[in-house]
């Protein structure tokens, strides 16, 4: 699958999760390049995800989908969440975009 489409799907899935589950008033999407990596940060001020669901591999289908897509792009995913919101951080090597 085209790398840019995969990136779009990652963002789409994260925003869908915010809309469906977070009850957030604000959401932010930040994309930037640093040290030959593309950084994507999606954050919200919603109710958060329980720690058990973000770290034990039993996360919802949306987070699993995000992690799987990022892994296919040789990237890393970090999810931080508490009662004040959630932040999903994705780092993907820029070189992956040059192969498409």
PDB file of N, CA and C in Angstrom:
ATOM      1  N   UNK A   1       0.845  -1.181   0.000  1.00  0.00           N
ATOM      2  CA  UNK A   1       0.000   0.000   0.000  1.00  0.00           C
ATOM      3  C   UNK A   1       0.891   1.247   0.000  1.00  0.00           C
ATOM      4  N   UNK A   2       0.453   2.254  -0.657  1.00  0.00           N
ATOM      5  CA  UNK A   2       1.189   3.506  -0.729  1.00  0.00           C
ATOM      6  C   UNK A   2       1.384   4.090   0.671  1.00  0.00           C
ATOM      7  N   UNK A   3       2.586   4.545   0.960  1.00  0.00           N
ATOM      8  CA  UNK A   3       2.935   5.065   2.280  1.00  0.00           C
ATOM      9  C   UNK A   3       2.066   6.247   2.685  1.00  0.00           C
ATOM     10  N   UNK A   4       1.810   7.131   1.754  1.00  0.00           N
ATOM     11  CA  UNK A   4       0.991   8.314   2.081  1.00  0.00           C
ATOM     12  C   UNK A   4      -0.439   7.923   2.451  1.00  0.00           C
ATOM     13  N   UNK A   5      -0.968   6.914   1.778  1.00  0.00           N
ATOM     14  CA  UNK A   5      -2.313   6.439   2.105  1.00  0.00           C
ATOM     15  C   UNK A   5      -2.311   5.796   3.486  1.00  0.00           C
ATOM     16  N   UNK A   6      -1.261   5.052   3.807  1.00  0.00           N
ATOM     17  CA  UNK A   6      -1.157   4.452   5.140  1.00  0.00           C
ATOM     18  C   UNK A   6      -1.125   5.525   6.218  1.00  0.00           C
ATOM     19  N   UNK A   7      -0.376   6.589   5.964  1.00  0.00           N
ATOM     20  CA  UNK A   7      -0.309   7.692   6.927  1.00  0.00           C
ATOM     21  C   UNK A   7      -1.683   8.328   7.093  1.00  0.00           C
ATOM     22  N   UNK A   8      -2.387   8.537   5.997  1.00  0.00           N
ATOM     23  CA  UNK A   8      -3.741   9.078   6.062  1.00  0.00           C
ATOM     24  C   UNK A   8      -4.661   8.172   6.871  1.00  0.00           C
ATOM     25  N   UNK A   9      -4.553   6.878   6.678  1.00  0.00           N
ATOM     26  CA  UNK A   9      -5.396   5.924   7.420  1.00  0.00           C
ATOM     27  C   UNK A   9      -5.079   5.940   8.918  1.00  0.00           C
ATOM     28  N   UNK A  10      -3.820   6.122   9.266  1.00  0.00           N
ATOM     29  CA  UNK A  10      -3.432   6.218  10.682  1.00  0.00           C
ATOM     30  C   UNK A  10      -4.109   7.433  11.311  1.00  0.00           C
ATOM     31  N   UNK A  11      -4.025   8.566  10.640  1.00  0.00           N
ATOM     32  CA  UNK A  11      -4.649   9.793  11.144  1.00  0.00           C
ATOM     33  C   UNK A  11      -6.166   9.618  11.217  1.00  0.00           C
ATOM     34  N   UNK A  12      -6.737   9.059  10.172  1.00  0.00           N
ATOM     35  CA  UNK A  12      -8.184   8.848  10.121  1.00  0.00           C
ATOM     36  C   UNK A  12      -8.656   7.961  11.276  1.00  0.00           C
ATOM     37  N   UNK A  13      -7.950   6.884  11.546  1.00  0.00           N
ATOM     38  CA  UNK A  13      -8.330   5.969  12.618  1.00  0.00           C
ATOM     39  C   UNK A  13      -8.224   6.652  13.983  1.00  0.00           C
ATOM     40  N   UNK A  14      -7.154   7.409  14.184  1.00  0.00           N
ATOM     41  CA  UNK A  14      -6.985   8.111  15.456  1.00  0.00           C
ATOM     42  C   UNK A  14      -8.109   9.125  15.671  1.00  0.00           C
ATOM     43  N   UNK A  15      -8.446   9.881  14.645  1.00  0.00           N
ATOM     44  CA  UNK A  15      -9.520  10.871  14.777  1.00  0.00           C
ATOM     45  C   UNK A  15     -10.877  10.201  14.959  1.00  0.00           C
ATOM     46  N   UNK A  16     -11.087   9.075  14.304  1.00  0.00           N
ATOM     47  CA  UNK A  16     -12.330   8.321  14.497  1.00  0.00           C
ATOM     48  C   UNK A  16     -12.452   7.872  15.948  1.00  0.00           C
ATOM     49  N   UNK A  17     -11.344   7.413  16.538  1.00  0.00           N
ATOM     50  CA  UNK A  17     -11.349   7.003  17.946  1.00  0.00           C
ATOM     51  C   UNK A  17     -11.712   8.175  18.853  1.00  0.00           C
ATOM     52  N   UNK A  18     -11.162   9.344  18.561  1.00  0.00           N
ATOM     53  CA  UNK A  18     -11.478  10.526  19.371  1.00  0.00           C
ATOM     54  C   UNK A  18     -12.974  10.821  19.292  1.00  0.00           C
ATOM     55  N   UNK A  19     -13.508  10.820  18.089  1.00  0.00           N
ATOM     56  CA  UNK A  19     -14.931  11.136  17.899  1.00  0.00           C
ATOM     57  C   UNK A  19     -15.826  10.105  18.585  1.00  0.00           C
ATOM     58  N   UNK A  20     -15.500   8.815  18.453  1.00  0.00           N
ATOM     59  CA  UNK A  20     -16.341   7.747  18.992  1.00  0.00           C
ATOM     60  C   UNK A  20     -16.256   7.603  20.506  1.00  0.00           C
ATOM     61  N   UNK A  21     -15.054   7.784  21.059  1.00  0.00           N
ATOM     62  CA  UNK A  21     -14.837   7.357  22.442  1.00  0.00           C
ATOM     63  C   UNK A  21     -14.396   8.424  23.431  1.00  0.00           C
ATOM     64  N   UNK A  22     -13.717   9.459  22.985  1.00  0.00           N
ATOM     65  CA  UNK A  22     -13.018  10.349  23.916  1.00  0.00           C
ATOM     66  C   UNK A  22     -13.906  11.383  24.592  1.00  0.00           C
ATOM     67  N   UNK A  23     -14.986  11.771  23.942  1.00  0.00           N
ATOM     68  CA  UNK A  23     -15.797  12.883  24.454  1.00  0.00           C
ATOM     69  C   UNK A  23     -14.935  14.126  24.646  1.00  0.00           C
ATOM     70  N   UNK A  24     -14.056  14.345  23.681  1.00  0.00           N
ATOM     71  CA  UNK A  24     -13.108  15.461  23.747  1.00  0.00           C
ATOM     72  C   UNK A  24     -13.732  16.749  23.224  1.00  0.00           C
ATOM     73  N   UNK A  25     -13.246  17.851  23.755  1.00  0.00           N
ATOM     74  CA  UNK A  25     -13.626  19.169  23.255  1.00  0.00           C
ATOM     75  C   UNK A  25     -12.586  19.693  22.274  1.00  0.00           C
ATOM     76  N   UNK A  26     -11.350  19.219  22.413  1.00  0.00           N
ATOM     77  CA  UNK A  26     -10.262  19.674  21.549  1.00  0.00           C
ATOM     78  C   UNK A  26      -9.439  18.474  21.082  1.00  0.00           C
ATOM     79  N   UNK A  27      -8.974  18.586  19.856  1.00  0.00           N
ATOM     80  CA  UNK A  27      -8.064  17.577  19.314  1.00  0.00           C
ATOM     81  C   UNK A  27      -7.004  18.312  18.504  1.00  0.00           C
ATOM     82  N   UNK A  28      -5.794  17.818  18.557  1.00  0.00           N
ATOM     83  CA  UNK A  28      -4.707  18.429  17.801  1.00  0.00           C
ATOM     84  C   UNK A  28      -3.988  17.390  16.963  1.00  0.00           C
ATOM     85  N   UNK A  29      -3.575  17.798  15.777  1.00  0.00           N
ATOM     86  CA  UNK A  29      -2.794  16.936  14.902  1.00  0.00           C
ATOM     87  C   UNK A  29      -1.543  17.717  14.516  1.00  0.00           C
ATOM     88  N   UNK A  30      -0.396  17.163  14.823  1.00  0.00           N
ATOM     89  CA  UNK A  30       0.879  17.807  14.534  1.00  0.00           C
ATOM     90  C   UNK A  30       1.728  16.841  13.721  1.00  0.00           C
ATOM     91  N   UNK A  31       2.221  17.304  12.582  1.00  0.00           N
ATOM     92  CA  UNK A  31       3.097  16.493  11.736  1.00  0.00           C
ATOM     93  C   UNK A  31       4.341  17.326  11.438  1.00  0.00           C
ATOM     94  N   UNK A  32       5.508  16.742  11.692  1.00  0.00           N
ATOM     95  CA  UNK A  32       6.746  17.450  11.388  1.00  0.00           C
ATOM     96  C   UNK A  32       7.863  16.442  11.125  1.00  0.00           C
ATOM     97  N   UNK A  33       8.910  16.929  10.481  1.00  0.00           N
ATOM     98  CA  UNK A  33      10.080  16.103  10.210  1.00  0.00           C
ATOM     99  C   UNK A  33      11.219  16.545  11.110  1.00  0.00           C
ATOM    100  N   UNK A  34      11.888  15.549  11.688  1.00  0.00           N
ATOM    101  CA  UNK A  34      13.028  15.832  12.562  1.00  0.00           C
ATOM    102  C   UNK A  34      13.972  14.640  12.511  1.00  0.00           C
ATOM    103  N   UNK A  35      15.230  14.893  12.282  1.00  0.00           N
ATOM    104  CA  UNK A  35      16.275  13.868  12.270  1.00  0.00           C
ATOM    105  C   UNK A  35      15.903  12.681  11.381  1.00  0.00           C
ATOM    106  N   UNK A  36      15.488  12.980  10.156  1.00  0.00           N
ATOM    107  CA  UNK A  36      15.145  11.960   9.166  1.00  0.00           C
ATOM    108  C   UNK A  36      13.961  11.078   9.562  1.00  0.00           C
ATOM    109  N   UNK A  37      13.132  11.583  10.440  1.00  0.00           N
ATOM    110  CA  UNK A  37      11.909  10.877  10.820  1.00  0.00           C
ATOM    111  C   UNK A  37      10.709  11.806  10.687  1.00  0.00           C
ATOM    112  N   UNK A  38       9.601  11.220  10.292  1.00  0.00           N
ATOM    113  CA  UNK A  38       8.336  11.940  10.297  1.00  0.00           C
ATOM    114  C   UNK A  38       7.685  11.690  11.653  1.00  0.00           C
ATOM    115  N   UNK A  39       7.317  12.755  12.325  1.00  0.00           N
ATOM    116  CA  UNK A  39       6.667  12.655  13.626  1.00  0.00           C
ATOM    117  C   UNK A  39       5.205  13.054  13.458  1.00  0.00           C
ATOM    118  N   UNK A  40       4.324  12.237  13.990  1.00  0.00           N
ATOM    119  CA  UNK A  40       2.896  12.505  13.982  1.00  0.00           C
ATOM    120  C   UNK A  40       2.409  12.423  15.421  1.00  0.00           C
ATOM    121  N   UNK A  41       1.787  13.496  15.888  1.00  0.00           N
ATOM    122  CA  UNK A  41       1.258  13.524  17.243  1.00  0.00           C
ATOM    123  C   UNK A  41      -0.215  13.907  17.163  1.00  0.00           C
ATOM    124  N   UNK A  42      -1.069  13.037  17.683  1.00  0.00           N
ATOM    125  CA  UNK A  42      -2.499  13.318  17.738  1.00  0.00           C
ATOM    126  C   UNK A  42      -2.890  13.305  19.204  1.00  0.00           C
ATOM    127  N   UNK A  43      -3.425  14.423  19.673  1.00  0.00           N
ATOM    128  CA  UNK A  43      -3.758  14.541  21.097  1.00  0.00           C
ATOM    129  C   UNK A  43      -5.171  15.072  21.257  1.00  0.00           C
ATOM    130  N   UNK A  44      -5.773  14.700  22.377  1.00  0.00           N
ATOM    131  CA  UNK A  44      -7.110  15.205  22.687  1.00  0.00           C
ATOM    132  C   UNK A  44      -7.236  15.440  24.187  1.00  0.00           C
ATOM    133  N   UNK A  45      -8.287  16.162  24.561  1.00  0.00           N
ATOM    134  CA  UNK A  45      -8.530  16.440  25.975  1.00  0.00           C
ATOM    135  C   UNK A  45      -9.712  15.633  26.502  1.00  0.00           C
ATOM    136  N   UNK A  46      -9.905  14.460  25.946  1.00  0.00           N
ATOM    137  CA  UNK A  46     -11.034  13.610  26.323  1.00  0.00           C
ATOM    138  C   UNK A  46     -10.801  12.824  27.596  1.00  0.00           C
ATOM    139  N   UNK A  47     -11.645  11.820  27.787  1.00  0.00           N
ATOM    140  CA  UNK A  47     -11.647  11.060  29.038  1.00  0.00           C
ATOM    141  C   UNK A  47     -10.511  10.052  29.167  1.00  0.00           C
ATOM    142  N   UNK A  48      -9.761   9.837  28.088  1.00  0.00           N
ATOM    143  CA  UNK A  48      -8.610   8.944  28.157  1.00  0.00           C
ATOM    144  C   UNK A  48      -8.984   7.487  27.976  1.00  0.00           C
ATOM    145  N   UNK A  49      -7.950   6.688  27.838  1.00  0.00           N
ATOM    146  CA  UNK A  49      -8.081   5.247  27.689  1.00  0.00           C
ATOM    147  C   UNK A  49      -7.476   4.647  28.943  1.00  0.00           C
ATOM    148  N   UNK A  50      -8.080   3.607  29.476  1.00  0.00           N
ATOM    149  CA  UNK A  50      -7.500   3.009  30.676  1.00  0.00           C
ATOM    150  C   UNK A  50      -6.108   2.486  30.363  1.00  0.00           C
ATOM    151  N   UNK A  51      -5.208   2.561  31.323  1.00  0.00           N
ATOM    152  CA  UNK A  51      -3.817   2.134  31.136  1.00  0.00           C
ATOM    153  C   UNK A  51      -3.749   0.682  30.705  1.00  0.00           C
ATOM    154  N   UNK A  52      -4.641  -0.132  31.222  1.00  0.00           N
ATOM    155  CA  UNK A  52      -4.643  -1.539  30.874  1.00  0.00           C
ATOM    156  C   UNK A  52      -4.852  -1.728  29.370  1.00  0.00           C
ATOM    157  N   UNK A  53      -5.712  -0.945  28.776  1.00  0.00           N
ATOM    158  CA  UNK A  53      -6.036  -1.109  27.357  1.00  0.00           C
ATOM    159  C   UNK A  53      -4.958  -0.554  26.444  1.00  0.00           C
ATOM    160  N   UNK A  54      -4.113   0.368  26.902  1.00  0.00           N
ATOM    161  CA  UNK A  54      -3.083   0.928  26.025  1.00  0.00           C
ATOM    162  C   UNK A  54      -1.789   0.123  26.058  1.00  0.00           C
ATOM    163  N   UNK A  55      -1.524  -0.609  27.126  1.00  0.00           N
ATOM    164  CA  UNK A  55      -0.215  -1.230  27.287  1.00  0.00           C
ATOM    165  C   UNK A  55      -0.196  -2.748  27.266  1.00  0.00           C
ATOM    166  N   UNK A  56      -1.314  -3.419  27.419  1.00  0.00           N
ATOM    167  CA  UNK A  56      -1.267  -4.874  27.534  1.00  0.00           C
ATOM    168  C   UNK A  56      -1.552  -5.612  26.239  1.00  0.00           C
ATOM    169  N   UNK A  57      -1.617  -4.889  25.129  1.00  0.00           N
ATOM    170  CA  UNK A  57      -1.878  -5.537  23.861  1.00  0.00           C
ATOM    171  C   UNK A  57      -3.344  -5.824  23.615  1.00  0.00           C
ATOM    172  N   UNK A  58      -4.200  -5.490  24.563  1.00  0.00           N
ATOM    173  CA  UNK A  58      -5.631  -5.730  24.412  1.00  0.00           C
ATOM    174  C   UNK A  58      -6.373  -4.446  24.062  1.00  0.00           C
ATOM    175  N   UNK A  59      -5.686  -3.540  23.425  1.00  0.00           N
ATOM    176  CA  UNK A  59      -6.318  -2.279  23.046  1.00  0.00           C
ATOM    177  C   UNK A  59      -7.398  -2.544  22.020  1.00  0.00           C
ATOM    178  N   UNK A  60      -8.229  -1.562  21.817  1.00  0.00           N
ATOM    179  CA  UNK A  60      -9.316  -1.687  20.865  1.00  0.00           C
ATOM    180  C   UNK A  60      -8.810  -1.866  19.446  1.00  0.00           C
ATOM    181  N   UNK A  61      -9.719  -2.199  18.578  1.00  0.00           N
ATOM    182  CA  UNK A  61      -9.370  -2.448  17.182  1.00  0.00           C
ATOM    183  C   UNK A  61      -8.714  -1.237  16.529  1.00  0.00           C
ATOM    184  N   UNK A  62      -9.148  -0.033  16.893  1.00  0.00           N
ATOM    185  CA  UNK A  62      -8.574   1.170  16.301  1.00  0.00           C
ATOM    186  C   UNK A  62      -7.103   1.321  16.612  1.00  0.00           C
ATOM    187  N   UNK A  63      -6.734   1.170  17.884  1.00  0.00           N
ATOM    188  CA  UNK A  63      -5.321   1.270  18.267  1.00  0.00           C
ATOM    189  C   UNK A  63      -4.500   0.136  17.671  1.00  0.00           C
ATOM    190  N   UNK A  64      -5.086  -1.054  17.601  1.00  0.00           N
ATOM    191  CA  UNK A  64      -4.377  -2.173  16.979  1.00  0.00           C
ATOM    192  C   UNK A  64      -4.109  -1.884  15.507  1.00  0.00           C
ATOM    193  N   UNK A  65      -5.084  -1.327  14.837  1.00  0.00           N
ATOM    194  CA  UNK A  65      -4.929  -0.979  13.428  1.00  0.00           C
ATOM    195  C   UNK A  65      -3.820   0.062  13.238  1.00  0.00           C
ATOM    196  N   UNK A  66      -3.805   1.065  14.102  1.00  0.00           N
ATOM    197  CA  UNK A  66      -2.763   2.095  14.030  1.00  0.00           C
ATOM    198  C   UNK A  66      -1.394   1.465  14.234  1.00  0.00           C
ATOM    199  N   UNK A  67      -1.261   0.653  15.277  1.00  0.00           N
ATOM    200  CA  UNK A  67       0.032   0.019  15.566  1.00  0.00           C
ATOM    201  C   UNK A  67       0.490  -0.867  14.410  1.00  0.00           C
ATOM    202  N   UNK A  68      -0.433  -1.616  13.828  1.00  0.00           N
ATOM    203  CA  UNK A  68      -0.093  -2.505  12.716  1.00  0.00           C
ATOM    204  C   UNK A  68       0.388  -1.711  11.496  1.00  0.00           C
ATOM    205  N   UNK A  69      -0.316  -0.640  11.156  1.00  0.00           N
ATOM    206  CA  UNK A  69       0.079   0.190  10.012  1.00  0.00           C
ATOM    207  C   UNK A  69       1.447   0.838  10.242  1.00  0.00           C
ATOM    208  N   UNK A  70       1.668   1.333  11.453  1.00  0.00           N
ATOM    209  CA  UNK A  70       2.954   1.968  11.764  1.00  0.00           C
ATOM    210  C   UNK A  70       4.077   0.936  11.695  1.00  0.00           C
ATOM    211  N   UNK A  71       3.828  -0.237  12.199  1.00  0.00           N
ATOM    212  CA  UNK A  71       4.840  -1.299  12.162  1.00  0.00           C
ATOM    213  C   UNK A  71       5.195  -1.651  10.718  1.00  0.00           C
ATOM    214  N   UNK A  72       4.208  -1.699   9.833  1.00  0.00           N
ATOM    215  CA  UNK A  72       4.467  -1.988   8.418  1.00  0.00           C
ATOM    216  C   UNK A  72       5.313  -0.900   7.755  1.00  0.00           C
ATOM    217  N   UNK A  73       5.292   0.305   8.333  1.00  0.00           N
ATOM    218  CA  UNK A  73       6.101   1.418   7.826  1.00  0.00           C
ATOM    219  C   UNK A  73       7.443   1.526   8.559  1.00  0.00           C
ATOM    220  N   UNK A  74       7.789   0.476   9.310  1.00  0.00           N
ATOM    221  CA  UNK A  74       9.033   0.440  10.090  1.00  0.00           C
ATOM    222  C   UNK A  74       9.085   1.558  11.128  1.00  0.00           C
ATOM    223  N   UNK A  75       7.936   1.920  11.652  1.00  0.00           N
ATOM    224  CA  UNK A  75       7.853   3.003  12.618  1.00  0.00           C
ATOM    225  C   UNK A  75       7.591   2.518  14.032  1.00  0.00           C
ATOM    226  N   UNK A  76       7.420   3.488  14.912  1.00  0.00           N
ATOM    227  CA  UNK A  76       7.160   3.226  16.331  1.00  0.00           C
ATOM    228  C   UNK A  76       5.926   4.000  16.757  1.00  0.00           C
ATOM    229  N   UNK A  77       5.180   3.416  17.675  1.00  0.00           N
ATOM    230  CA  UNK A  77       3.972   4.040  18.215  1.00  0.00           C
ATOM    231  C   UNK A  77       4.087   4.104  19.727  1.00  0.00           C
ATOM    232  N   UNK A  78       3.688   5.227  20.287  1.00  0.00           N
ATOM    233  CA  UNK A  78       3.620   5.371  21.739  1.00  0.00           C
ATOM    234  C   UNK A  78       2.287   6.016  22.073  1.00  0.00           C
ATOM    235  N   UNK A  79       1.547   5.399  22.987  1.00  0.00           N
ATOM    236  CA  UNK A  79       0.247   5.922  23.402  1.00  0.00           C
ATOM    237  C   UNK A  79       0.327   6.272  24.880  1.00  0.00           C
ATOM    238  N   UNK A  80      -0.007   7.514  25.182  1.00  0.00           N
ATOM    239  CA  UNK A  80      -0.061   7.969  26.572  1.00  0.00           C
ATOM    240  C   UNK A  80      -1.464   8.485  26.832  1.00  0.00           C
ATOM    241  N   UNK A  81      -2.025   8.032  27.922  1.00  0.00           N
ATOM    242  CA  UNK A  81      -3.405   8.408  28.184  1.00  0.00           C
ATOM    243  C   UNK A  81      -3.675   8.431  29.684  1.00  0.00           C
ATOM    244  N   UNK A  82      -4.468   9.398  30.093  1.00  0.00           N
ATOM    245  CA  UNK A  82      -4.962   9.461  31.460  1.00  0.00           C
ATOM    246  C   UNK A  82      -6.317  10.148  31.431  1.00  0.00           C
ATOM    247  N   UNK A  83      -6.846  10.495  32.591  1.00  0.00           N
ATOM    248  CA  UNK A  83      -8.175  11.097  32.651  1.00  0.00           C
ATOM    249  C   UNK A  83      -8.251  12.483  32.019  1.00  0.00           C
ATOM    250  N   UNK A  84      -7.093  13.047  31.639  1.00  0.00           N
ATOM    251  CA  UNK A  84      -7.063  14.370  31.006  1.00  0.00           C
ATOM    252  C   UNK A  84      -6.914  14.316  29.487  1.00  0.00           C
ATOM    253  N   UNK A  85      -6.864  13.107  28.930  1.00  0.00           N
ATOM    254  CA  UNK A  85      -6.767  12.997  27.482  1.00  0.00           C
ATOM    255  C   UNK A  85      -5.802  11.923  27.036  1.00  0.00           C
ATOM    256  N   UNK A  86      -5.626  11.871  25.733  1.00  0.00           N
ATOM    257  CA  UNK A  86      -4.788  10.853  25.111  1.00  0.00           C
ATOM    258  C   UNK A  86      -3.861  11.502  24.105  1.00  0.00           C
ATOM    259  N   UNK A  87      -2.660  10.958  24.009  1.00  0.00           N
ATOM    260  CA  UNK A  87      -1.701  11.402  23.015  1.00  0.00           C
ATOM    261  C   UNK A  87      -1.131  10.167  22.322  1.00  0.00           C
ATOM    262  N   UNK A  88      -1.267  10.134  21.007  1.00  0.00           N
ATOM    263  CA  UNK A  88      -0.699   9.064  20.201  1.00  0.00           C
ATOM    264  C   UNK A  88       0.465   9.665  19.435  1.00  0.00           C
ATOM    265  N   UNK A  89       1.651   9.096  19.647  1.00  0.00           N
ATOM    266  CA  UNK A  89       2.850   9.581  18.966  1.00  0.00           C
ATOM    267  C   UNK A  89       3.362   8.496  18.027  1.00  0.00           C
ATOM    268  N   UNK A  90       3.589   8.881  16.790  1.00  0.00           N
ATOM    269  CA  UNK A  90       4.062   7.962  15.766  1.00  0.00           C
ATOM    270  C   UNK A  90       5.338   8.543  15.168  1.00  0.00           C
ATOM    271  N   UNK A  91       6.339   7.685  15.003  1.00  0.00           N
ATOM    272  CA  UNK A  91       7.587   8.089  14.346  1.00  0.00           C
ATOM    273  C   UNK A  91       7.838   7.110  13.211  1.00  0.00           C
ATOM    274  N   UNK A  92       7.992   7.654  12.000  1.00  0.00           N
ATOM    275  CA  UNK A  92       8.209   6.839  10.803  1.00  0.00           C
ATOM    276  C   UNK A  92       9.458   7.368  10.097  1.00  0.00           C
ATOM    277  N   UNK A  93      10.370   6.486   9.705  1.00  0.00           N
ATOM    278  CA  UNK A  93      11.551   6.940   8.967  1.00  0.00           C
ATOM    279  C   UNK A  93      11.143   7.618   7.651  1.00  0.00           C
ATOM    280  N   UNK A  94      11.729   8.760   7.365  1.00  0.00           N
ATOM    281  CA  UNK A  94      11.399   9.509   6.145  1.00  0.00           C
ATOM    282  C   UNK A  94      11.752   8.700   4.899  1.00  0.00           C
ATOM    283  N   UNK A  95      12.781   7.889   4.986  1.00  0.00           N
ATOM    284  CA  UNK A  95      13.220   7.116   3.820  1.00  0.00           C
ATOM    285  C   UNK A  95      12.118   6.239   3.245  1.00  0.00           C
ATOM    286  N   UNK A  96      11.173   5.833   4.068  1.00  0.00           N
ATOM    287  CA  UNK A  96      10.068   4.994   3.593  1.00  0.00           C
ATOM    288  C   UNK A  96       9.221   5.748   2.564  1.00  0.00           C
ATOM    289  N   UNK A  97       9.157   7.058   2.676  1.00  0.00           N
ATOM    290  CA  UNK A  97       8.367   7.862   1.743  1.00  0.00           C
ATOM    291  C   UNK A  97       9.072   8.016   0.392  1.00  0.00           C
ATOM    292  N   UNK A  98      10.370   7.816   0.368  1.00  0.00           N
ATOM    293  CA  UNK A  98      11.133   7.958  -0.867  1.00  0.00           C
ATOM    294  C   UNK A  98      11.048   6.734  -1.761  1.00  0.00           C
ATOM    295  N   UNK A  99      10.475   5.636  -1.234  1.00  0.00           N
ATOM    296  CA  UNK A  99      10.375   4.403  -2.013  1.00  0.00           C
ATOM    297  C   UNK A  99       9.076   4.314  -2.782  1.00  0.00           C
ATOM    298  N   UNK A 100       8.227   5.319  -2.673  1.00  0.00           N
ATOM    299  CA  UNK A 100       6.926   5.298  -3.371  1.00  0.00           C
ATOM    300  C   UNK A 100       6.920   6.272  -4.522  1.00  0.00           C
TER     301      UNK A 100
END
